[in-house]
Amino acid sequence: MRAEVDVEDLLKIVLVLVVVWLVLEIVGEVLGLLAGLLGPLRPLLGILIVVLIVLWFTDRL
């Protein structure tokens, strides 16, 4: 038997994971450890995902 998970709950989980990822990206950039490995576009992609999910939650999308 599979557990039923709402789309809203999945979006909340994804939002938390993306926020954690962005925090790690920022810390990595500040420390200069991950700058060469991750590339410049990944933080922008994460910000875009966060904005889309927040717009979804506020019913503006």
N, C-alpha and C. Protein backbone atom coordinates (compact mmCIF):
# COMPACT_ATOMS: atom_id res chain seq x y z
N MET A 1 0.84 -1.18 0.00
CA MET A 1 0.00 0.00 0.00
C MET A 1 0.88 1.24 0.00
N ARG A 2 0.63 2.13 -0.93
CA ARG A 2 1.45 3.33 -1.06
C ARG A 2 0.79 4.49 -0.33
N ALA A 3 1.63 5.30 0.26
CA ALA A 3 1.11 6.49 0.94
C ALA A 3 0.75 7.55 -0.09
N GLU A 4 -0.35 8.23 0.17
CA GLU A 4 -0.77 9.30 -0.73
C GLU A 4 -0.13 10.60 -0.27
N VAL A 5 0.53 11.27 -1.19
CA VAL A 5 1.20 12.53 -0.88
C VAL A 5 0.61 13.59 -1.82
N ASP A 6 0.17 14.69 -1.24
CA ASP A 6 -0.39 15.76 -2.05
C ASP A 6 0.70 16.49 -2.81
N VAL A 7 0.29 17.12 -3.89
CA VAL A 7 1.23 17.91 -4.69
C VAL A 7 1.80 19.05 -3.85
N GLU A 8 0.96 19.65 -3.01
CA GLU A 8 1.41 20.75 -2.16
C GLU A 8 2.54 20.28 -1.23
N ASP A 9 2.40 19.08 -0.66
CA ASP A 9 3.44 18.56 0.23
C ASP A 9 4.73 18.29 -0.52
N LEU A 10 4.61 17.76 -1.72
CA LEU A 10 5.81 17.52 -2.52
C LEU A 10 6.50 18.84 -2.89
N LEU A 11 5.71 19.86 -3.21
CA LEU A 11 6.30 21.16 -3.52
C LEU A 11 6.99 21.76 -2.31
N LYS A 12 6.42 21.56 -1.13
CA LYS A 12 7.07 22.05 0.09
C LYS A 12 8.41 21.36 0.31
N ILE A 13 8.44 20.06 0.07
CA ILE A 13 9.70 19.31 0.22
C ILE A 13 10.73 19.80 -0.78
N VAL A 14 10.32 19.99 -2.02
CA VAL A 14 11.24 20.48 -3.05
C VAL A 14 11.72 21.88 -2.70
N LEU A 15 10.82 22.73 -2.20
CA LEU A 15 11.20 24.09 -1.82
C LEU A 15 12.25 24.08 -0.72
N VAL A 16 12.06 23.25 0.28
CA VAL A 16 13.04 23.15 1.37
C VAL A 16 14.38 22.66 0.84
N LEU A 17 14.35 21.67 -0.01
CA LEU A 17 15.61 21.14 -0.56
C LEU A 17 16.33 22.19 -1.41
N VAL A 18 15.58 22.96 -2.19
CA VAL A 18 16.20 23.99 -3.02
C VAL A 18 16.77 25.11 -2.16
N VAL A 19 16.06 25.48 -1.09
CA VAL A 19 16.57 26.52 -0.19
C VAL A 19 17.85 26.05 0.48
N VAL A 20 17.88 24.79 0.93
CA VAL A 20 19.10 24.24 1.53
C VAL A 20 20.22 24.24 0.51
N TRP A 21 19.91 23.85 -0.71
CA TRP A 21 20.92 23.83 -1.78
C TRP A 21 21.46 25.23 -2.04
N LEU A 22 20.57 26.23 -2.08
CA LEU A 22 21.02 27.62 -2.29
C LEU A 22 21.90 28.11 -1.16
N VAL A 23 21.55 27.77 0.07
CA VAL A 23 22.39 28.16 1.21
C VAL A 23 23.77 27.53 1.08
N LEU A 24 23.81 26.27 0.71
CA LEU A 24 25.11 25.61 0.52
C LEU A 24 25.89 26.24 -0.62
N GLU A 25 25.19 26.64 -1.68
CA GLU A 25 25.86 27.32 -2.80
C GLU A 25 26.47 28.64 -2.34
N ILE A 26 25.70 29.41 -1.57
CA ILE A 26 26.20 30.71 -1.10
C ILE A 26 27.39 30.52 -0.19
N VAL A 27 27.30 29.57 0.72
CA VAL A 27 28.43 29.30 1.62
C VAL A 27 29.64 28.85 0.82
N GLY A 28 29.40 28.01 -0.18
CA GLY A 28 30.50 27.55 -1.03
C GLY A 28 31.15 28.68 -1.80
N GLU A 29 30.33 29.61 -2.28
CA GLU A 29 30.88 30.75 -3.01
C GLU A 29 31.67 31.66 -2.07
N VAL A 30 31.15 31.88 -0.88
CA VAL A 30 31.85 32.73 0.08
C VAL A 30 33.19 32.11 0.43
N LEU A 31 33.21 30.85 0.63
CA LEU A 31 34.46 30.17 0.99
C LEU A 31 35.35 29.92 -0.22
N GLY A 32 34.80 30.01 -1.40
CA GLY A 32 35.58 29.81 -2.61
C GLY A 32 35.88 28.35 -2.91
N LEU A 33 35.18 27.45 -2.27
CA LEU A 33 35.47 26.02 -2.46
C LEU A 33 34.79 25.43 -3.69
N LEU A 34 33.56 25.88 -3.97
CA LEU A 34 32.79 25.24 -5.01
C LEU A 34 32.63 26.10 -6.26
N ALA A 35 33.31 27.21 -6.33
CA ALA A 35 33.12 28.16 -7.44
C ALA A 35 33.44 27.53 -8.79
N GLY A 36 34.52 26.82 -8.88
CA GLY A 36 34.92 26.23 -10.16
C GLY A 36 34.13 25.00 -10.54
N LEU A 37 33.66 24.26 -9.55
CA LEU A 37 32.99 22.99 -9.82
C LEU A 37 31.53 23.13 -10.24
N LEU A 38 30.82 24.09 -9.66
CA LEU A 38 29.37 24.14 -9.86
C LEU A 38 28.94 25.04 -11.00
N GLY A 39 29.74 25.98 -11.37
CA GLY A 39 29.38 26.86 -12.47
C GLY A 39 28.46 28.00 -12.03
N PRO A 40 28.36 29.01 -12.85
CA PRO A 40 27.62 30.22 -12.45
C PRO A 40 26.10 30.12 -12.60
N LEU A 41 25.59 29.15 -13.34
CA LEU A 41 24.15 29.14 -13.61
C LEU A 41 23.33 28.34 -12.61
N ARG A 42 23.92 27.50 -11.84
CA ARG A 42 23.15 26.69 -10.91
C ARG A 42 22.45 27.50 -9.83
N PRO A 43 23.07 28.50 -9.21
CA PRO A 43 22.31 29.30 -8.23
C PRO A 43 21.13 30.03 -8.87
N LEU A 44 21.29 30.48 -10.10
CA LEU A 44 20.19 31.15 -10.78
C LEU A 44 19.04 30.18 -11.05
N LEU A 45 19.37 28.96 -11.38
CA LEU A 45 18.34 27.94 -11.60
C LEU A 45 17.60 27.66 -10.30
N GLY A 46 18.32 27.56 -9.21
CA GLY A 46 17.69 27.34 -7.90
C GLY A 46 16.77 28.48 -7.51
N ILE A 47 17.21 29.71 -7.75
CA ILE A 47 16.38 30.88 -7.44
C ILE A 47 15.11 30.86 -8.29
N LEU A 48 15.23 30.50 -9.55
CA LEU A 48 14.08 30.41 -10.43
C LEU A 48 13.08 29.37 -9.92
N ILE A 49 13.56 28.23 -9.47
CA ILE A 49 12.68 27.19 -8.94
C ILE A 49 11.96 27.67 -7.69
N VAL A 50 12.70 28.34 -6.80
CA VAL A 50 12.09 28.86 -5.57
C VAL A 50 11.00 29.88 -5.91
N VAL A 51 11.28 30.78 -6.84
CA VAL A 51 10.30 31.79 -7.23
C VAL A 51 9.04 31.13 -7.80
N LEU A 52 9.21 30.14 -8.66
CA LEU A 52 8.06 29.46 -9.24
C LEU A 52 7.22 28.75 -8.18
N ILE A 53 7.85 28.12 -7.22
CA ILE A 53 7.10 27.42 -6.17
C ILE A 53 6.39 28.42 -5.27
N VAL A 54 7.05 29.53 -4.93
CA VAL A 54 6.40 30.55 -4.11
C VAL A 54 5.21 31.14 -4.85
N LEU A 55 5.36 31.38 -6.14
CA LEU A 55 4.22 31.88 -6.93
C LEU A 55 3.09 30.86 -6.96
N TRP A 56 3.42 29.58 -7.01
CA TRP A 56 2.40 28.54 -6.99
C TRP A 56 1.64 28.58 -5.67
N PHE A 57 2.36 28.70 -4.54
CA PHE A 57 1.72 28.73 -3.23
C PHE A 57 0.86 29.97 -3.04
N THR A 58 1.24 31.08 -3.61
CA THR A 58 0.47 32.32 -3.45
C THR A 58 -0.59 32.46 -4.54
N ASP A 59 -0.79 31.43 -5.35
CA ASP A 59 -1.78 31.41 -6.42
C ASP A 59 -1.61 32.55 -7.41
N ARG A 60 -0.40 32.91 -7.70
CA ARG A 60 -0.12 33.95 -8.69
C ARG A 60 0.43 33.34 -9.98
N LEU A 61 0.53 32.04 -10.04
CA LEU A 61 1.05 31.38 -11.23
C LEU A 61 -0.09 30.81 -12.05
